[in-house]
Amino acid sequence: MFKPSILILIVAALVSLMGFKAYNQISLFPAELSHWVISFVLLFIISNIFIWSVASKLKSTQI
């Protein structure tokens, strides 16, 4: 079962990645900045998924 927050996070990640691809095509930002932003977003998503899995494990052990 997915929580709505995870679905919102996935949709936001997809939208932001599409936005970064569009920015790269327009070449509004330098390539280094866009790569840094994409890596930061991916790190944010991975850390959120890790925190959510740890929290769900803690909840299941408490119950």
PDB file of N, CA and C in Angstrom:
ATOM      1  N   MET A   1       0.837  -1.196   0.000  1.00  0.00           N
ATOM      2  CA  MET A   1       0.000   0.000   0.000  1.00  0.00           C
ATOM      3  C   MET A   1       0.874   1.249   0.000  1.00  0.00           C
ATOM      4  N   PHE A   2       0.604   2.131  -0.941  1.00  0.00           N
ATOM      5  CA  PHE A   2       1.344   3.388  -1.020  1.00  0.00           C
ATOM      6  C   PHE A   2       0.583   4.468  -0.275  1.00  0.00           C
ATOM      7  N   LYS A   3       1.316   5.260   0.460  1.00  0.00           N
ATOM      8  CA  LYS A   3       0.682   6.412   1.094  1.00  0.00           C
ATOM      9  C   LYS A   3       0.585   7.540   0.077  1.00  0.00           C
ATOM     10  N   PRO A   4      -0.385   8.444   0.220  1.00  0.00           N
ATOM     11  CA  PRO A   4      -0.532   9.534  -0.760  1.00  0.00           C
ATOM     12  C   PRO A   4       0.703  10.411  -0.827  1.00  0.00           C
ATOM     13  N   SER A   5       1.428  10.548   0.286  1.00  0.00           N
ATOM     14  CA  SER A   5       2.603  11.421   0.273  1.00  0.00           C
ATOM     15  C   SER A   5       3.678  10.862  -0.659  1.00  0.00           C
ATOM     16  N   ILE A   6       3.810   9.534  -0.718  1.00  0.00           N
ATOM     17  CA  ILE A   6       4.815   8.937  -1.605  1.00  0.00           C
ATOM     18  C   ILE A   6       4.405   9.146  -3.058  1.00  0.00           C
ATOM     19  N   LEU A   7       3.115   9.011  -3.360  1.00  0.00           N
ATOM     20  CA  LEU A   7       2.667   9.255  -4.732  1.00  0.00           C
ATOM     21  C   LEU A   7       2.903  10.710  -5.120  1.00  0.00           C
ATOM     22  N   ILE A   8       2.614  11.628  -4.193  1.00  0.00           N
ATOM     23  CA  ILE A   8       2.853  13.048  -4.481  1.00  0.00           C
ATOM     24  C   ILE A   8       4.340  13.280  -4.713  1.00  0.00           C
ATOM     25  N   LEU A   9       5.187  12.618  -3.909  1.00  0.00           N
ATOM     26  CA  LEU A   9       6.637  12.782  -4.053  1.00  0.00           C
ATOM     27  C   LEU A   9       7.098  12.267  -5.414  1.00  0.00           C
ATOM     28  N   ILE A  10       6.562  11.112  -5.848  1.00  0.00           N
ATOM     29  CA  ILE A  10       6.966  10.552  -7.139  1.00  0.00           C
ATOM     30  C   ILE A  10       6.521  11.467  -8.275  1.00  0.00           C
ATOM     31  N   VAL A  11       5.285  11.968  -8.193  1.00  0.00           N
ATOM     32  CA  VAL A  11       4.792  12.865  -9.243  1.00  0.00           C
ATOM     33  C   VAL A  11       5.620  14.141  -9.285  1.00  0.00           C
ATOM     34  N   ALA A  12       5.953  14.676  -8.107  1.00  0.00           N
ATOM     35  CA  ALA A  12       6.766  15.892  -8.063  1.00  0.00           C
ATOM     36  C   ALA A  12       8.155  15.642  -8.654  1.00  0.00           C
ATOM     37  N   ALA A  13       8.710  14.455  -8.397  1.00  0.00           N
ATOM     38  CA  ALA A  13      10.025  14.129  -8.949  1.00  0.00           C
ATOM     39  C   ALA A  13       9.963  14.036 -10.472  1.00  0.00           C
ATOM     40  N   LEU A  14       8.915  13.390 -10.991  1.00  0.00           N
ATOM     41  CA  LEU A  14       8.791  13.280 -12.448  1.00  0.00           C
ATOM     42  C   LEU A  14       8.619  14.653 -13.085  1.00  0.00           C
ATOM     43  N   VAL A  15       7.782  15.494 -12.465  1.00  0.00           N
ATOM     44  CA  VAL A  15       7.562  16.828 -13.027  1.00  0.00           C
ATOM     45  C   VAL A  15       8.849  17.641 -12.992  1.00  0.00           C
ATOM     46  N   SER A  16       9.589  17.543 -11.885  1.00  0.00           N
ATOM     47  CA  SER A  16      10.821  18.320 -11.792  1.00  0.00           C
ATOM     48  C   SER A  16      11.859  17.812 -12.796  1.00  0.00           C
ATOM     49  N   LEU A  17      11.926  16.490 -13.004  1.00  0.00           N
ATOM     50  CA  LEU A  17      12.874  15.963 -13.989  1.00  0.00           C
ATOM     51  C   LEU A  17      12.496  16.420 -15.402  1.00  0.00           C
ATOM     52  N   MET A  18      11.193  16.434 -15.716  1.00  0.00           N
ATOM     53  CA  MET A  18      10.762  16.924 -17.032  1.00  0.00           C
ATOM     54  C   MET A  18      11.100  18.406 -17.176  1.00  0.00           C
ATOM     55  N   GLY A  19      10.925  19.152 -16.084  1.00  0.00           N
ATOM     56  CA  GLY A  19      11.266  20.568 -16.115  1.00  0.00           C
ATOM     57  C   GLY A  19      12.758  20.786 -16.345  1.00  0.00           C
ATOM     58  N   PHE A  20      13.594  19.951 -15.721  1.00  0.00           N
ATOM     59  CA  PHE A  20      15.034  20.092 -15.913  1.00  0.00           C
ATOM     60  C   PHE A  20      15.425  19.726 -17.339  1.00  0.00           C
ATOM     61  N   LYS A  21      14.754  18.729 -17.919  1.00  0.00           N
ATOM     62  CA  LYS A  21      15.052  18.400 -19.318  1.00  0.00           C
ATOM     63  C   LYS A  21      14.691  19.566 -20.223  1.00  0.00           C
ATOM     64  N   ALA A  22      13.557  20.214 -19.944  1.00  0.00           N
ATOM     65  CA  ALA A  22      13.163  21.369 -20.749  1.00  0.00           C
ATOM     66  C   ALA A  22      14.167  22.507 -20.570  1.00  0.00           C
ATOM     67  N   TYR A  23      14.614  22.724 -19.339  1.00  0.00           N
ATOM     68  CA  TYR A  23      15.613  23.781 -19.101  1.00  0.00           C
ATOM     69  C   TYR A  23      16.923  23.467 -19.821  1.00  0.00           C
ATOM     70  N   ASN A  24      17.304  22.183 -19.860  1.00  0.00           N
ATOM     71  CA  ASN A  24      18.533  21.826 -20.560  1.00  0.00           C
ATOM     72  C   ASN A  24      18.390  22.077 -22.060  1.00  0.00           C
ATOM     73  N   GLN A  25      17.185  21.829 -22.612  1.00  0.00           N
ATOM     74  CA  GLN A  25      16.984  22.094 -24.036  1.00  0.00           C
ATOM     75  C   GLN A  25      17.040  23.591 -24.317  1.00  0.00           C
ATOM     76  N   ILE A  26      16.454  24.388 -23.418  1.00  0.00           N
ATOM     77  CA  ILE A  26      16.499  25.838 -23.598  1.00  0.00           C
ATOM     78  C   ILE A  26      17.905  26.361 -23.321  1.00  0.00           C
ATOM     79  N   SER A  27      18.691  25.593 -22.541  1.00  0.00           N
ATOM     80  CA  SER A  27      20.039  25.977 -22.099  1.00  0.00           C
ATOM     81  C   SER A  27      19.981  27.287 -21.318  1.00  0.00           C
ATOM     82  N   LEU A  28      18.987  27.373 -20.420  1.00  0.00           N
ATOM     83  CA  LEU A  28      18.863  28.547 -19.560  1.00  0.00           C
ATOM     84  C   LEU A  28      19.916  28.492 -18.456  1.00  0.00           C
ATOM     85  N   PHE A  29      20.128  27.290 -17.906  1.00  0.00           N
ATOM     86  CA  PHE A  29      21.119  27.099 -16.852  1.00  0.00           C
ATOM     87  C   PHE A  29      22.349  26.427 -17.444  1.00  0.00           C
ATOM     88  N   PRO A  30      23.517  26.624 -16.850  1.00  0.00           N
ATOM     89  CA  PRO A  30      24.689  25.841 -17.239  1.00  0.00           C
ATOM     90  C   PRO A  30      24.502  24.364 -16.883  1.00  0.00           C
ATOM     91  N   ALA A  31      25.208  23.507 -17.579  1.00  0.00           N
ATOM     92  CA  ALA A  31      25.025  22.068 -17.390  1.00  0.00           C
ATOM     93  C   ALA A  31      25.407  21.643 -15.974  1.00  0.00           C
ATOM     94  N   GLU A  32      26.440  22.259 -15.398  1.00  0.00           N
ATOM     95  CA  GLU A  32      26.888  21.861 -14.064  1.00  0.00           C
ATOM     96  C   GLU A  32      25.797  22.132 -13.036  1.00  0.00           C
ATOM     97  N   LEU A  33      25.120  23.267 -13.155  1.00  0.00           N
ATOM     98  CA  LEU A  33      24.078  23.613 -12.191  1.00  0.00           C
ATOM     99  C   LEU A  33      22.919  22.632 -12.293  1.00  0.00           C
ATOM    100  N   SER A  34      22.505  22.297 -13.513  1.00  0.00           N
ATOM    101  CA  SER A  34      21.373  21.388 -13.667  1.00  0.00           C
ATOM    102  C   SER A  34      21.734  20.001 -13.138  1.00  0.00           C
ATOM    103  N   HIS A  35      22.980  19.544 -13.375  1.00  0.00           N
ATOM    104  CA  HIS A  35      23.380  18.241 -12.846  1.00  0.00           C
ATOM    105  C   HIS A  35      23.380  18.258 -11.319  1.00  0.00           C
ATOM    106  N   TRP A  36      23.822  19.371 -10.726  1.00  0.00           N
ATOM    107  CA  TRP A  36      23.838  19.481  -9.270  1.00  0.00           C
ATOM    108  C   TRP A  36      22.421  19.460  -8.720  1.00  0.00           C
ATOM    109  N   VAL A  37      21.501  20.176  -9.376  1.00  0.00           N
ATOM    110  CA  VAL A  37      20.113  20.223  -8.903  1.00  0.00           C
ATOM    111  C   VAL A  37      19.463  18.851  -9.032  1.00  0.00           C
ATOM    112  N   ILE A  38      19.704  18.159 -10.152  1.00  0.00           N
ATOM    113  CA  ILE A  38      19.108  16.829 -10.350  1.00  0.00           C
ATOM    114  C   ILE A  38      19.651  15.858  -9.299  1.00  0.00           C
ATOM    115  N   SER A  39      20.957  15.919  -9.032  1.00  0.00           N
ATOM    116  CA  SER A  39      21.517  15.007  -8.026  1.00  0.00           C
ATOM    117  C   SER A  39      20.971  15.334  -6.644  1.00  0.00           C
ATOM    118  N   PHE A  40      20.754  16.629  -6.358  1.00  0.00           N
ATOM    119  CA  PHE A  40      20.178  17.002  -5.060  1.00  0.00           C
ATOM    120  C   PHE A  40      18.754  16.474  -4.933  1.00  0.00           C
ATOM    121  N   VAL A  41      17.960  16.591  -6.014  1.00  0.00           N
ATOM    122  CA  VAL A  41      16.576  16.099  -5.980  1.00  0.00           C
ATOM    123  C   VAL A  41      16.560  14.580  -5.796  1.00  0.00           C
ATOM    124  N   LEU A  42      17.448  13.873  -6.502  1.00  0.00           N
ATOM    125  CA  LEU A  42      17.493  12.416  -6.358  1.00  0.00           C
ATOM    126  C   LEU A  42      17.902  12.023  -4.942  1.00  0.00           C
ATOM    127  N   LEU A  43      18.882  12.745  -4.370  1.00  0.00           N
ATOM    128  CA  LEU A  43      19.281  12.472  -2.988  1.00  0.00           C
ATOM    129  C   LEU A  43      18.117  12.703  -2.037  1.00  0.00           C
ATOM    130  N   PHE A  44      17.350  13.783  -2.271  1.00  0.00           N
ATOM    131  CA  PHE A  44      16.203  14.091  -1.428  1.00  0.00           C
ATOM    132  C   PHE A  44      15.171  12.979  -1.490  1.00  0.00           C
ATOM    133  N   ILE A  45      14.894  12.480  -2.714  1.00  0.00           N
ATOM    134  CA  ILE A  45      13.895  11.422  -2.892  1.00  0.00           C
ATOM    135  C   ILE A  45      14.364  10.133  -2.220  1.00  0.00           C
ATOM    136  N   ILE A  46      15.635   9.774  -2.418  1.00  0.00           N
ATOM    137  CA  ILE A  46      16.147   8.531  -1.843  1.00  0.00           C
ATOM    138  C   ILE A  46      16.125   8.602  -0.321  1.00  0.00           C
ATOM    139  N   SER A  47      16.503   9.764   0.236  1.00  0.00           N
ATOM    140  CA  SER A  47      16.498   9.888   1.689  1.00  0.00           C
ATOM    141  C   SER A  47      15.078   9.820   2.234  1.00  0.00           C
ATOM    142  N   ASN A  48      14.108  10.408   1.519  1.00  0.00           N
ATOM    143  CA  ASN A  48      12.717  10.335   1.972  1.00  0.00           C
ATOM    144  C   ASN A  48      12.213   8.895   1.953  1.00  0.00           C
ATOM    145  N   ILE A  49      12.535   8.148   0.884  1.00  0.00           N
ATOM    146  CA  ILE A  49      12.096   6.750   0.811  1.00  0.00           C
ATOM    147  C   ILE A  49      12.745   5.939   1.942  1.00  0.00           C
ATOM    148  N   PHE A  50      14.030   6.215   2.215  1.00  0.00           N
ATOM    149  CA  PHE A  50      14.729   5.492   3.283  1.00  0.00           C
ATOM    150  C   PHE A  50      14.107   5.811   4.642  1.00  0.00           C
ATOM    151  N   ILE A  51      13.836   7.096   4.894  1.00  0.00           N
ATOM    152  CA  ILE A  51      13.229   7.490   6.174  1.00  0.00           C
ATOM    153  C   ILE A  51      11.847   6.868   6.302  1.00  0.00           C
ATOM    154  N   TRP A  52      11.069   6.853   5.205  1.00  0.00           N
ATOM    155  CA  TRP A  52       9.722   6.281   5.270  1.00  0.00           C
ATOM    156  C   TRP A  52       9.787   4.785   5.558  1.00  0.00           C
ATOM    157  N   SER A  53      10.722   4.066   4.938  1.00  0.00           N
ATOM    158  CA  SER A  53      10.819   2.617   5.174  1.00  0.00           C
ATOM    159  C   SER A  53      11.248   2.340   6.611  1.00  0.00           C
ATOM    160  N   VAL A  54      12.185   3.136   7.135  1.00  0.00           N
ATOM    161  CA  VAL A  54      12.618   2.937   8.525  1.00  0.00           C
ATOM    162  C   VAL A  54      11.460   3.230   9.474  1.00  0.00           C
ATOM    163  N   ALA A  55      10.703   4.301   9.192  1.00  0.00           N
ATOM    164  CA  ALA A  55       9.572   4.644  10.058  1.00  0.00           C
ATOM    165  C   ALA A  55       8.506   3.550  10.019  1.00  0.00           C
ATOM    166  N   SER A  56       8.242   2.982   8.845  1.00  0.00           N
ATOM    167  CA  SER A  56       7.227   1.927   8.756  1.00  0.00           C
ATOM    168  C   SER A  56       7.707   0.674   9.493  1.00  0.00           C
ATOM    169  N   LYS A  57       9.019   0.377   9.429  1.00  0.00           N
ATOM    170  CA  LYS A  57       9.533  -0.774  10.179  1.00  0.00           C
ATOM    171  C   LYS A  57       9.402  -0.538  11.678  1.00  0.00           C
ATOM    172  N   LEU A  58       9.692   0.688  12.119  1.00  0.00           N
ATOM    173  CA  LEU A  58       9.559   0.984  13.537  1.00  0.00           C
ATOM    174  C   LEU A  58       8.107   0.879  13.978  1.00  0.00           C
ATOM    175  N   LYS A  59       7.179   1.347  13.145  1.00  0.00           N
ATOM    176  CA  LYS A  59       5.758   1.237  13.489  1.00  0.00           C
ATOM    177  C   LYS A  59       5.344  -0.227  13.578  1.00  0.00           C
ATOM    178  N   SER A  60       5.801  -1.054  12.654  1.00  0.00           N
ATOM    179  CA  SER A  60       5.390  -2.464  12.663  1.00  0.00           C
ATOM    180  C   SER A  60       5.980  -3.181  13.880  1.00  0.00           C
ATOM    181  N   THR A  61       7.186  -2.806  14.319  1.00  0.00           N
ATOM    182  CA  THR A  61       7.775  -3.455  15.484  1.00  0.00           C
ATOM    183  C   THR A  61       7.080  -2.994  16.758  1.00  0.00           C
ATOM    184  N   GLN A  62       6.648  -1.737  16.812  1.00  0.00           N
ATOM    185  CA  GLN A  62       5.946  -1.252  18.007  1.00  0.00           C
ATOM    186  C   GLN A  62       4.592  -1.935  18.149  1.00  0.00           C
ATOM    187  N   ILE A  63       3.896  -2.121  17.032  1.00  0.00           N
ATOM    188  CA  ILE A  63       2.583  -2.778  17.089  1.00  0.00           C
ATOM    189  C   ILE A  63       2.798  -4.280  17.320  1.00  0.00           C
TER     190      ILE A  63
END
